[in-house]
Amino acid sequence: MATARKKRAVTPAPHLRPGVKLGRYRVGQMLHEGGMAQLYAVDAKPPLILKVPKLGPDHPASSLVAFENELRILERLRGPHVPKLVAAGDLVHQPYLLLERIDGDALARAAQQAPVSLDTLRDLGVQLARAVQAVHHQNVIHLDLNPNNVRNRADGTMVLIDFGLAHHAGLPDLHDAAFGEEEGTTAYIAPEQLHHVRSDSRSDIYAIGAILYQLATGHYPFGRPNLMSLKRRLVAPPLPPRSHNPQLPPWLQEIILRCLETKPENRYATAKRVAHLLAHPESVPDTRRSHRRQAPGLTVRSRAWARSVFQKFDDDAAQRPYERLTTSPHVLVALKLAHCSESQKEALRRAVRRLALSESKSYFTFVTVVPQADWEQARQQGKRAPDLANLLAMRNWAQPLRLPEVRMVFQVLPGEPVRTLLGYARRHLVDHIIVGARGSSALRRHLGSISAAVAAQAACTVTVVRTRKDVGKGGKTTNSK
């Protein structure tokens, strides 16, 4: 767990309003006023924003709780997917947060203009899921994801804001029994949150599904946000997105409806899995519901209602977000089958098989990297690009594994091997890389360095697979970090 950030002291100001000096900063115009806080511009380089909770008898008592909760969570969060906390005011005299200002609102604008194009939806969905994954990795559950609580940097990186209702798995929950209010935004809140379960990271997966539904159809999953829409999500699935937009591909409907499952255990376990499937739709299973354009029949709805009567949402055995990430690892398997002996191919299969059996929710991306020069040569000579032959070779190699299609993706990528593999692993949040070591040959001096470089530079566990013949010559079977 990250240690608390040391706050930079700023002189408390009893009455924050436009024109008032706050240490070396001057408060600018009000940008937004919500139910629990006011936001002011702050003239600085880079630009900052001032968040002040609404206090007093005319404002909800939960405002101060939300402020304190957001402060302690932001002190612990790191990375590009959260705003930087610059300073905080004294809780007794004048509470405030001085934060990095992020103006991009691509997701909010897309939600207003929905339905959006498939390419736009996929890009926004992948970026959103990666941002959620980043905070889950730090044991924080947002619990109020909606388009207005997501900003973006100039490079498209999404930033989650407003952690007032969030839950940190390593801290006492200030909201646990504070005021008994419903937590979250009606259109995006998960069923278990209505039962005051705040410790399940899959609540954020539900919200991702609700946002994707809105982007795909221009509608909320359960209609206009009101009390009836809250009750409906407890007893039945939403209308299929294809009932609103028949042009949606079935794979996208499957992703959305899986995210919106009533029971958390039926949703995707992690946000990175959602990002991976949006980027690789060919690995989404083709189910009956993925093609559905009408609401389920009366029998199905009646059964769902009956189940809901006895359904319990229990957080007694809650799993920390980071712990859940480890149960669904994304594994990258680097293959260069044209340069592998049969014994090397079998050794790689054994390594994959062991991991697939020990981690039942793991999923695999098999990658062959082809030098850019080979692609250019094929193009100049009018030959077929090298991707098809390599894809077929990888699929044939993987057949003995007998893994379901939903757990496998095959990719042929152009570029320099080490840089390409590490770049893919970083972008797609890979947890484990399996790469084969070269046997003793003239190629080893050139190609053998790939596994060593990947093992040295990767930010995740790396297994270097050698054959028994290689081990007998002094090598090691695996190297991991």
Protein backbone atom coordinates (compact mmCIF):
# COMPACT_ATOMS: atom_id res chain seq x y z
CA MET A 1 0.00 0.00 0.00
CA ALA A 2 1.26 3.46 -0.80
CA THR A 3 2.26 5.64 2.11
CA ALA A 4 0.45 8.88 2.78
CA ARG A 5 1.53 11.85 0.70
CA LYS A 6 3.11 14.66 2.70
CA LYS A 7 0.82 17.68 2.28
CA ARG A 8 2.29 21.05 1.40
CA ALA A 9 0.94 23.53 3.92
CA VAL A 10 -1.24 26.37 2.71
CA THR A 11 -2.49 29.09 5.04
CA PRO A 12 -6.13 28.35 5.99
CA ALA A 13 -8.64 30.88 4.67
CA PRO A 14 -11.90 31.28 6.61
CA HIS A 15 -13.96 32.56 3.65
CA LEU A 16 -12.96 31.21 0.27
CA ARG A 17 -14.46 33.17 -2.59
CA PRO A 18 -13.31 34.72 -5.89
CA GLY A 19 -10.45 37.18 -5.39
CA VAL A 20 -9.28 35.82 -2.03
CA LYS A 21 -5.57 34.95 -1.72
CA LEU A 22 -4.83 31.38 -0.71
CA GLY A 23 -1.15 31.42 0.21
CA ARG A 24 0.57 32.27 -3.09
CA TYR A 25 -2.56 31.47 -5.12
CA ARG A 26 -5.59 33.62 -5.91
CA VAL A 27 -9.07 32.10 -6.04
CA GLY A 28 -10.79 32.66 -9.40
CA GLN A 29 -14.36 32.30 -10.61
CA MET A 30 -16.68 29.50 -9.55
CA LEU A 31 -16.66 26.71 -12.13
CA HIS A 32 -19.30 24.39 -10.71
CA GLU A 33 -21.61 23.98 -7.76
CA GLY A 34 -22.77 20.51 -6.80
CA GLY A 35 -24.79 19.10 -3.97
CA MET A 36 -21.83 18.72 -1.63
CA ALA A 37 -19.06 21.02 -2.91
CA GLN A 38 -18.13 24.10 -4.93
CA LEU A 39 -15.31 24.24 -7.48
CA TYR A 40 -13.24 27.37 -8.17
CA ALA A 41 -10.57 28.13 -10.73
CA VAL A 42 -7.13 28.95 -9.35
CA ASP A 43 -4.72 31.02 -11.42
CA ALA A 44 -1.48 29.04 -11.44
CA LYS A 45 0.89 27.26 -13.78
CA PRO A 46 -0.03 24.52 -14.32
CA PRO A 47 -3.72 25.39 -13.69
CA LEU A 48 -5.27 24.26 -10.42
CA ILE A 49 -8.78 23.83 -9.11
CA LEU A 50 -10.10 24.50 -5.62
CA LYS A 51 -12.73 22.19 -4.13
CA VAL A 52 -14.60 23.46 -1.08
CA PRO A 53 -17.20 21.32 0.75
CA LYS A 54 -20.59 22.84 1.51
CA LEU A 55 -21.00 23.11 5.25
CA GLY A 56 -23.72 24.42 7.53
CA PRO A 57 -27.29 23.60 8.54
CA ASP A 58 -28.65 24.00 5.00
CA HIS A 59 -26.27 21.43 3.51
CA PRO A 60 -26.02 17.65 3.93
CA ALA A 61 -23.99 16.46 6.88
CA SER A 62 -22.32 13.94 4.58
CA SER A 63 -20.45 16.77 2.79
CA LEU A 64 -17.70 16.87 5.40
CA VAL A 65 -17.47 13.07 5.48
CA ALA A 66 -17.10 12.98 1.70
CA PHE A 67 -14.41 15.68 1.88
CA GLU A 68 -12.41 13.85 4.54
CA ASN A 69 -12.79 10.59 2.65
CA GLU A 70 -11.58 12.11 -0.62
CA LEU A 71 -8.63 13.78 1.09
CA ARG A 72 -7.25 10.62 2.66
CA ILE A 73 -7.75 8.61 -0.54
CA LEU A 74 -6.08 11.19 -2.79
CA GLU A 75 -3.15 11.30 -0.36
CA ARG A 76 -2.57 7.63 -1.14
CA LEU A 77 -3.26 7.45 -4.88
CA ARG A 78 -0.53 7.81 -7.49
CA GLY A 79 -0.27 7.88 -11.25
CA PRO A 80 -1.66 9.62 -14.33
CA HIS A 81 -5.23 8.36 -13.83
CA VAL A 82 -5.92 10.50 -10.74
CA PRO A 83 -5.56 14.27 -10.18
CA LYS A 84 -2.51 15.38 -8.24
CA LEU A 85 -3.27 16.68 -4.75
CA VAL A 86 -1.33 19.94 -4.28
CA ALA A 87 -2.54 20.99 -0.82
CA ALA A 88 -5.41 20.66 1.63
CA GLY A 89 -7.00 23.04 4.11
CA ASP A 90 -7.48 22.52 7.81
CA LEU A 91 -10.56 20.42 8.61
CA VAL A 92 -11.42 22.61 11.60
CA HIS A 93 -10.97 26.11 10.16
CA GLN A 94 -11.49 25.83 6.40
CA PRO A 95 -11.47 22.49 4.60
CA TYR A 96 -10.51 22.58 0.94
CA LEU A 97 -8.62 20.58 -1.66
CA LEU A 98 -6.23 22.21 -4.10
CA LEU A 99 -5.99 19.88 -7.07
CA GLU A 100 -4.47 19.59 -10.50
CA ARG A 101 -6.99 20.94 -13.01
CA ILE A 102 -7.87 18.63 -15.90
CA ASP A 103 -10.24 20.17 -18.43
CA GLY A 104 -10.78 17.36 -20.94
CA ASP A 105 -14.37 16.09 -20.91
CA ALA A 106 -14.42 13.73 -23.89
CA LEU A 107 -16.46 11.06 -22.10
CA ALA A 108 -19.11 13.50 -20.82
CA ARG A 109 -19.48 15.05 -24.28
CA ALA A 110 -19.74 11.62 -25.89
CA ALA A 111 -22.45 10.61 -23.41
CA GLN A 112 -24.44 13.73 -24.29
CA GLN A 113 -24.09 13.03 -28.02
CA ALA A 114 -24.72 9.27 -27.80
CA PRO A 115 -25.01 7.00 -29.61
CA VAL A 116 -21.43 7.39 -30.78
CA SER A 117 -19.47 5.51 -33.43
CA LEU A 118 -18.10 2.07 -32.63
CA ASP A 119 -14.50 3.28 -32.90
CA THR A 120 -15.17 6.14 -30.49
CA LEU A 121 -16.93 3.84 -28.04
CA ARG A 122 -14.09 1.32 -28.09
CA ASP A 123 -11.44 3.98 -27.59
CA LEU A 124 -13.28 5.66 -24.72
CA GLY A 125 -14.19 2.32 -23.16
CA VAL A 126 -10.62 1.02 -23.21
CA GLN A 127 -9.26 4.24 -21.71
CA LEU A 128 -11.95 4.25 -19.00
CA ALA A 129 -11.34 0.62 -18.06
CA ARG A 130 -7.59 1.22 -17.81
CA ALA A 131 -8.16 4.17 -15.48
CA VAL A 132 -10.44 2.08 -13.26
CA GLN A 133 -7.88 -0.72 -13.29
CA ALA A 134 -5.21 1.73 -12.09
CA VAL A 135 -7.15 2.74 -8.97
CA HIS A 136 -8.24 -0.85 -8.25
CA HIS A 137 -4.55 -1.78 -8.37
CA GLN A 138 -4.10 0.64 -5.46
CA ASN A 139 -6.98 -0.94 -3.49
CA VAL A 140 -9.47 1.86 -4.16
CA ILE A 141 -13.04 1.37 -5.44
CA HIS A 142 -14.55 4.55 -6.89
CA LEU A 143 -18.26 3.71 -6.38
CA ASP A 144 -19.51 6.81 -8.23
CA LEU A 145 -18.31 6.32 -11.79
CA ASN A 146 -20.28 8.35 -14.31
CA PRO A 147 -19.29 10.42 -17.37
CA ASN A 148 -19.08 13.64 -15.34
CA ASN A 149 -16.59 12.10 -12.93
CA VAL A 150 -14.12 11.20 -15.67
CA ARG A 151 -11.78 13.74 -17.27
CA ASN A 152 -9.04 13.27 -19.83
CA ARG A 153 -5.57 14.64 -20.39
CA ALA A 154 -4.38 16.03 -23.71
CA ASP A 155 -3.02 12.62 -24.75
CA GLY A 156 -6.38 10.92 -24.08
CA THR A 157 -5.42 9.41 -20.72
CA MET A 158 -8.54 9.29 -18.58
CA VAL A 159 -8.51 10.66 -15.05
CA LEU A 160 -11.04 9.70 -12.38
CA ILE A 161 -12.21 12.55 -10.16
CA ASP A 162 -14.50 12.98 -7.15
CA PHE A 163 -13.47 10.27 -4.70
CA GLY A 164 -15.84 11.48 -1.99
CA LEU A 165 -17.85 8.25 -2.03
CA ALA A 166 -14.91 5.95 -2.76
CA HIS A 167 -13.74 3.08 -0.58
CA HIS A 168 -10.13 2.25 0.26
CA ALA A 169 -9.76 -1.40 1.25
CA GLY A 170 -6.95 -0.57 3.67
CA LEU A 171 -8.80 2.15 5.60
CA PRO A 172 -11.87 2.24 7.86
CA ASP A 173 -14.92 3.17 5.81
CA LEU A 174 -16.20 6.58 6.88
CA HIS A 175 -19.40 6.08 4.89
CA ASP A 176 -20.10 2.61 6.23
CA ALA A 177 -22.82 3.65 8.64
CA ALA A 178 -22.52 7.41 8.51
CA PHE A 179 -25.84 8.72 7.26
CA GLY A 180 -27.65 5.84 5.57
CA GLU A 181 -27.88 7.69 2.26
CA GLU A 182 -27.81 5.94 -1.10
CA GLU A 183 -24.32 6.19 -2.53
CA GLY A 184 -23.63 6.78 -6.19
CA THR A 185 -25.38 8.22 -9.21
CA THR A 186 -28.75 6.60 -9.92
CA ALA A 187 -28.21 5.67 -13.57
CA TYR A 188 -24.88 3.91 -12.88
CA ILE A 189 -25.16 2.50 -9.36
CA ALA A 190 -24.74 -1.27 -8.94
CA PRO A 191 -27.43 -3.42 -7.28
CA GLU A 192 -25.24 -4.35 -4.32
CA GLN A 193 -24.66 -0.67 -3.54
CA LEU A 194 -28.40 -0.37 -2.92
CA HIS A 195 -27.83 -2.95 -0.17
CA HIS A 196 -24.98 -0.84 1.27
CA VAL A 197 -22.20 -3.14 0.04
CA ARG A 198 -19.22 -0.87 -0.60
CA SER A 199 -16.33 -3.31 -0.66
CA ASP A 200 -16.76 -5.01 -4.05
CA SER A 201 -14.61 -3.67 -6.90
CA ARG A 202 -17.05 -5.22 -9.38
CA SER A 203 -19.45 -2.38 -8.55
CA ASP A 204 -17.18 -0.26 -10.75
CA ILE A 205 -17.43 -2.89 -13.51
CA TYR A 206 -21.21 -2.44 -13.40
CA ALA A 207 -20.80 1.33 -13.80
CA ILE A 208 -18.48 0.80 -16.78
CA GLY A 209 -21.21 -1.34 -18.35
CA ALA A 210 -23.82 1.36 -17.74
CA ILE A 211 -21.59 3.98 -19.38
CA LEU A 212 -20.92 1.72 -22.38
CA TYR A 213 -24.68 1.10 -22.68
CA GLN A 214 -25.30 4.85 -22.78
CA LEU A 215 -22.55 5.45 -25.35
CA ALA A 216 -23.86 2.63 -27.55
CA THR A 217 -27.57 3.48 -27.43
CA GLY A 218 -28.11 7.02 -26.15
CA HIS A 219 -30.25 5.52 -23.35
CA TYR A 220 -29.69 4.59 -19.71
CA PRO A 221 -29.80 0.82 -19.03
CA PHE A 222 -32.98 1.02 -16.93
CA GLY A 223 -34.64 4.10 -18.34
CA ARG A 224 -34.98 7.49 -16.73
CA PRO A 225 -33.06 7.59 -13.41
CA ASN A 226 -35.65 7.34 -10.64
CA LEU A 227 -36.79 5.02 -7.86
CA MET A 228 -38.37 2.57 -10.31
CA SER A 229 -35.14 2.25 -12.28
CA LEU A 230 -33.33 1.40 -9.05
CA LYS A 231 -35.83 -1.36 -8.29
CA ARG A 232 -35.75 -2.77 -11.83
CA ARG A 233 -32.03 -3.48 -11.74
CA LEU A 234 -32.55 -5.72 -8.71
CA VAL A 235 -34.99 -8.04 -10.46
CA ALA A 236 -34.20 -8.11 -14.19
CA PRO A 237 -31.52 -7.38 -16.78
CA PRO A 238 -31.81 -4.21 -18.89
CA LEU A 239 -33.25 -4.17 -22.38
CA PRO A 240 -30.64 -5.50 -24.82
CA PRO A 241 -28.67 -2.59 -26.29
CA ARG A 242 -29.49 -3.92 -29.77
CA SER A 243 -33.17 -3.19 -29.10
CA HIS A 244 -32.22 0.49 -29.22
CA ASN A 245 -29.45 0.22 -31.81
CA PRO A 246 -29.78 -2.87 -34.06
CA GLN A 247 -26.47 -2.03 -35.77
CA LEU A 248 -24.44 -2.82 -32.67
CA PRO A 249 -22.19 -5.86 -33.10
CA PRO A 250 -23.21 -8.84 -30.94
CA TRP A 251 -19.81 -8.95 -29.23
CA LEU A 252 -20.33 -5.45 -27.83
CA GLN A 253 -23.77 -6.35 -26.48
CA GLU A 254 -22.23 -9.39 -24.77
CA ILE A 255 -19.59 -7.23 -23.05
CA ILE A 256 -22.16 -4.67 -21.90
CA LEU A 257 -24.65 -7.20 -20.56
CA ARG A 258 -21.92 -9.16 -18.79
CA CYS A 259 -20.82 -5.97 -17.02
CA LEU A 260 -24.46 -5.30 -16.05
CA GLU A 261 -25.12 -8.68 -14.45
CA THR A 262 -27.13 -8.30 -11.24
CA LYS A 263 -24.84 -10.57 -9.21
CA PRO A 264 -21.25 -9.31 -8.94
CA GLU A 265 -19.79 -12.80 -9.37
CA ASN A 266 -21.35 -13.03 -12.85
CA ARG A 267 -19.59 -9.87 -14.08
CA TYR A 268 -16.05 -9.60 -15.35
CA ALA A 269 -13.67 -9.85 -12.43
CA THR A 270 -11.45 -6.96 -13.48
CA ALA A 271 -11.55 -3.75 -15.48
CA LYS A 272 -8.48 -4.81 -17.44
CA ARG A 273 -10.49 -7.75 -18.78
CA VAL A 274 -13.10 -5.33 -20.11
CA ALA A 275 -10.35 -3.25 -21.75
CA HIS A 276 -8.81 -6.35 -23.30
CA LEU A 277 -12.10 -7.57 -24.78
CA LEU A 278 -12.96 -4.15 -26.19
CA ALA A 279 -9.55 -4.15 -27.88
CA HIS A 280 -9.86 -7.80 -29.02
CA PRO A 281 -13.54 -8.43 -29.83
CA GLU A 282 -12.71 -11.67 -31.64
CA SER A 283 -12.23 -13.33 -28.23
CA VAL A 284 -15.73 -12.41 -26.96
CA PRO A 285 -17.93 -15.55 -26.89
CA ASP A 286 -20.92 -15.65 -29.21
CA THR A 287 -23.92 -16.33 -26.96
CA ARG A 288 -27.67 -16.31 -27.41
CA ARG A 289 -28.05 -13.05 -25.53
CA SER A 290 -25.41 -11.34 -27.66
CA HIS A 291 -27.91 -11.44 -30.57
CA ARG A 292 -31.05 -10.64 -28.56
CA ARG A 293 -33.06 -7.57 -29.60
CA GLN A 294 -36.03 -7.92 -27.25
CA ALA A 295 -36.49 -8.18 -23.52
CA PRO A 296 -36.45 -11.71 -22.10
CA GLY A 297 -39.81 -13.47 -22.04
CA LEU A 298 -42.23 -13.54 -19.13
CA THR A 299 -40.90 -16.87 -17.86
CA VAL A 300 -37.32 -15.62 -17.69
CA ARG A 301 -38.38 -12.38 -16.01
CA SER A 302 -40.52 -14.25 -13.48
CA ARG A 303 -37.61 -16.49 -12.55
CA ALA A 304 -35.32 -13.49 -12.19
CA TRP A 305 -37.86 -11.80 -9.91
CA ALA A 306 -38.20 -14.94 -7.79
CA ARG A 307 -34.41 -15.20 -7.41
CA SER A 308 -34.19 -11.56 -6.42
CA VAL A 309 -36.57 -12.09 -3.50
CA PHE A 310 -34.02 -14.37 -1.81
CA GLN A 311 -30.88 -12.76 -3.21
CA LYS A 312 -28.33 -11.48 -0.75
CA PHE A 313 -25.41 -9.17 -1.38
CA ASP A 314 -22.84 -10.05 1.25
CA ASP A 315 -19.51 -8.34 1.86
CA ASP A 316 -18.51 -10.39 4.90
CA ALA A 317 -15.86 -12.16 2.81
CA ALA A 318 -14.89 -9.13 0.77
CA GLN A 319 -11.85 -9.41 -1.46
CA ARG A 320 -9.54 -6.45 -1.78
CA PRO A 321 -9.43 -5.01 -5.31
CA TYR A 322 -5.72 -5.80 -5.69
CA GLU A 323 -6.30 -9.40 -4.58
CA ARG A 324 -9.04 -9.84 -7.17
CA LEU A 325 -6.68 -8.65 -9.90
CA THR A 326 -4.33 -11.54 -9.15
CA THR A 327 -7.08 -14.13 -9.72
CA SER A 328 -7.55 -13.13 -13.36
CA PRO A 329 -4.05 -12.69 -14.81
CA HIS A 330 -3.45 -11.57 -18.39
CA VAL A 331 -0.61 -13.67 -19.82
CA LEU A 332 1.41 -12.68 -22.89
CA VAL A 333 3.08 -15.62 -24.67
CA ALA A 334 5.80 -14.59 -27.13
CA LEU A 335 6.15 -17.09 -29.98
CA LYS A 336 8.58 -17.34 -32.90
CA LEU A 337 7.56 -20.76 -34.14
CA ALA A 338 9.64 -20.64 -37.32
CA HIS A 339 12.78 -20.68 -35.16
CA CYS A 340 11.56 -23.20 -32.55
CA SER A 341 12.39 -26.89 -32.41
CA GLU A 342 9.62 -29.35 -31.58
CA SER A 343 11.01 -29.72 -28.07
CA GLN A 344 10.93 -25.94 -27.60
CA LYS A 345 7.34 -25.77 -28.84
CA GLU A 346 6.31 -28.47 -26.40
CA ALA A 347 8.15 -26.79 -23.51
CA LEU A 348 6.24 -23.56 -24.19
CA ARG A 349 2.95 -25.48 -24.29
CA ARG A 350 3.73 -27.10 -20.94
CA ALA A 351 4.40 -23.70 -19.39
CA VAL A 352 1.10 -22.34 -20.72
CA ARG A 353 -0.81 -25.46 -19.67
CA ARG A 354 0.53 -25.29 -16.10
CA LEU A 355 -0.49 -21.66 -15.73
CA ALA A 356 -3.90 -22.23 -17.34
CA LEU A 357 -4.64 -25.06 -14.89
CA SER A 358 -3.37 -23.25 -11.80
CA GLU A 359 -5.12 -19.97 -12.68
CA SER A 360 -8.57 -20.94 -13.93
CA LYS A 361 -9.53 -17.34 -14.79
CA SER A 362 -6.32 -16.51 -16.64
CA TYR A 363 -6.44 -15.46 -20.29
CA PHE A 364 -3.69 -15.53 -22.90
CA THR A 365 -2.47 -13.37 -25.76
CA PHE A 366 -0.17 -15.26 -28.13
CA VAL A 367 2.06 -12.87 -30.07
CA THR A 368 4.52 -13.25 -32.92
CA VAL A 369 6.59 -10.17 -33.71
CA VAL A 370 7.67 -9.83 -37.34
CA PRO A 371 10.41 -7.31 -38.24
CA GLN A 372 9.08 -4.31 -40.12
CA ALA A 373 11.50 -5.06 -42.97
CA ASP A 374 9.76 -8.40 -43.63
CA TRP A 375 6.41 -6.64 -44.01
CA GLU A 376 7.95 -4.09 -46.38
CA GLN A 377 9.65 -6.79 -48.43
CA ALA A 378 6.40 -8.74 -48.80
CA ARG A 379 4.60 -5.58 -49.89
CA GLN A 380 7.25 -4.67 -52.47
CA GLN A 381 7.28 -8.18 -53.91
CA GLY A 382 3.49 -8.33 -54.07
CA LYS A 383 3.40 -11.24 -51.64
CA ARG A 384 0.86 -11.86 -48.90
CA ALA A 385 1.68 -10.11 -45.63
CA PRO A 386 3.28 -12.44 -43.07
CA ASP A 387 0.43 -12.14 -40.59
CA LEU A 388 -1.83 -14.91 -41.94
CA ALA A 389 0.84 -17.62 -42.01
CA ASN A 390 1.94 -16.75 -38.48
CA LEU A 391 -1.64 -16.66 -37.18
CA LEU A 392 -2.30 -20.12 -38.61
CA ALA A 393 0.95 -21.43 -37.16
CA MET A 394 0.10 -20.11 -33.68
CA ARG A 395 -3.42 -21.54 -33.81
CA ASN A 396 -2.10 -24.95 -34.85
CA TRP A 397 0.49 -24.81 -32.09
CA ALA A 398 -2.20 -23.93 -29.50
CA GLN A 399 -4.67 -26.68 -30.47
CA PRO A 400 -3.26 -29.31 -28.05
CA LEU A 401 -3.82 -26.87 -25.17
CA ARG A 402 -7.61 -27.26 -25.62
CA LEU A 403 -8.26 -23.83 -24.15
CA PRO A 404 -11.64 -22.22 -24.86
CA GLU A 405 -11.56 -19.44 -27.45
CA VAL A 406 -12.65 -16.89 -24.87
CA ARG A 407 -9.31 -17.32 -23.09
CA MET A 408 -7.14 -16.84 -26.20
CA VAL A 409 -6.16 -14.01 -28.53
CA PHE A 410 -3.65 -14.34 -31.37
CA GLN A 411 -1.72 -11.31 -32.63
CA VAL A 412 0.97 -10.72 -35.26
CA LEU A 413 2.71 -7.41 -34.67
CA PRO A 414 5.30 -5.57 -36.76
CA GLY A 415 8.37 -4.09 -35.15
CA GLU A 416 11.49 -4.73 -33.13
CA PRO A 417 10.75 -7.72 -30.82
CA VAL A 418 11.77 -6.40 -27.40
CA ARG A 419 10.27 -2.94 -27.82
CA THR A 420 7.07 -4.35 -29.35
CA LEU A 421 6.54 -6.99 -26.65
CA LEU A 422 7.18 -4.57 -23.80
CA GLY A 423 4.95 -1.93 -25.38
CA TYR A 424 2.09 -4.39 -25.79
CA ALA A 425 2.50 -5.61 -22.21
CA ARG A 426 2.37 -2.06 -20.89
CA ARG A 427 -0.64 -0.96 -22.95
CA HIS A 428 -2.69 -4.07 -22.24
CA LEU A 429 -1.87 -4.42 -18.53
CA VAL A 430 -0.17 -7.80 -18.87
CA ASP A 431 0.57 -9.60 -15.59
CA HIS A 432 2.87 -12.36 -16.82
CA ILE A 433 5.06 -12.88 -19.90
CA ILE A 434 6.14 -16.31 -21.14
CA VAL A 435 9.00 -16.26 -23.62
CA GLY A 436 11.17 -19.04 -25.01
CA ALA A 437 14.96 -19.00 -24.78
CA ARG A 438 16.96 -19.86 -27.87
CA GLY A 439 18.94 -23.06 -28.00
CA SER A 440 22.63 -23.11 -28.83
CA SER A 441 22.94 -21.99 -32.44
CA ALA A 442 24.16 -19.17 -34.60
CA LEU A 443 20.78 -17.49 -34.04
CA ARG A 444 21.21 -17.43 -30.30
CA ARG A 445 23.75 -14.62 -30.35
CA HIS A 446 21.19 -12.43 -32.11
CA LEU A 447 17.76 -13.74 -31.09
CA GLY A 448 18.67 -15.14 -27.69
CA SER A 449 19.01 -11.67 -26.29
CA ILE A 450 15.26 -11.11 -26.66
CA SER A 451 14.29 -13.19 -23.62
CA ALA A 452 17.03 -11.63 -21.46
CA ALA A 453 16.03 -8.10 -22.46
CA VAL A 454 12.34 -8.76 -21.85
CA ALA A 455 13.07 -10.33 -18.45
CA ALA A 456 15.27 -7.38 -17.48
CA GLN A 457 12.92 -4.60 -18.60
CA ALA A 458 9.38 -5.89 -18.09
CA ALA A 459 7.33 -4.50 -15.21
CA CYS A 460 5.63 -7.86 -14.60
CA THR A 461 6.61 -11.48 -13.94
CA VAL A 462 8.56 -13.07 -16.80
CA THR A 463 9.04 -16.80 -17.31
CA VAL A 464 11.86 -17.79 -19.66
CA VAL A 465 11.24 -21.32 -20.91
CA ARG A 466 14.15 -23.60 -21.78
CA THR A 467 14.16 -27.19 -22.98
CA ARG A 468 15.78 -29.95 -20.94
CA LYS A 469 18.58 -30.00 -23.50
CA ASP A 470 19.30 -26.33 -22.75
CA VAL A 471 19.15 -26.93 -19.00
CA GLY A 472 21.68 -29.72 -19.34
CA LYS A 473 24.09 -27.19 -20.80
CA GLY A 474 23.91 -25.02 -17.73
CA GLY A 475 20.77 -22.97 -18.37
CA LYS A 476 17.85 -22.50 -16.04
CA THR A 477 14.34 -23.73 -16.72
CA THR A 478 12.63 -20.47 -15.83
CA ASN A 479 13.48 -16.99 -14.74
CA SER A 480 10.80 -14.93 -13.02
CA LYS A 481 10.65 -11.60 -11.32
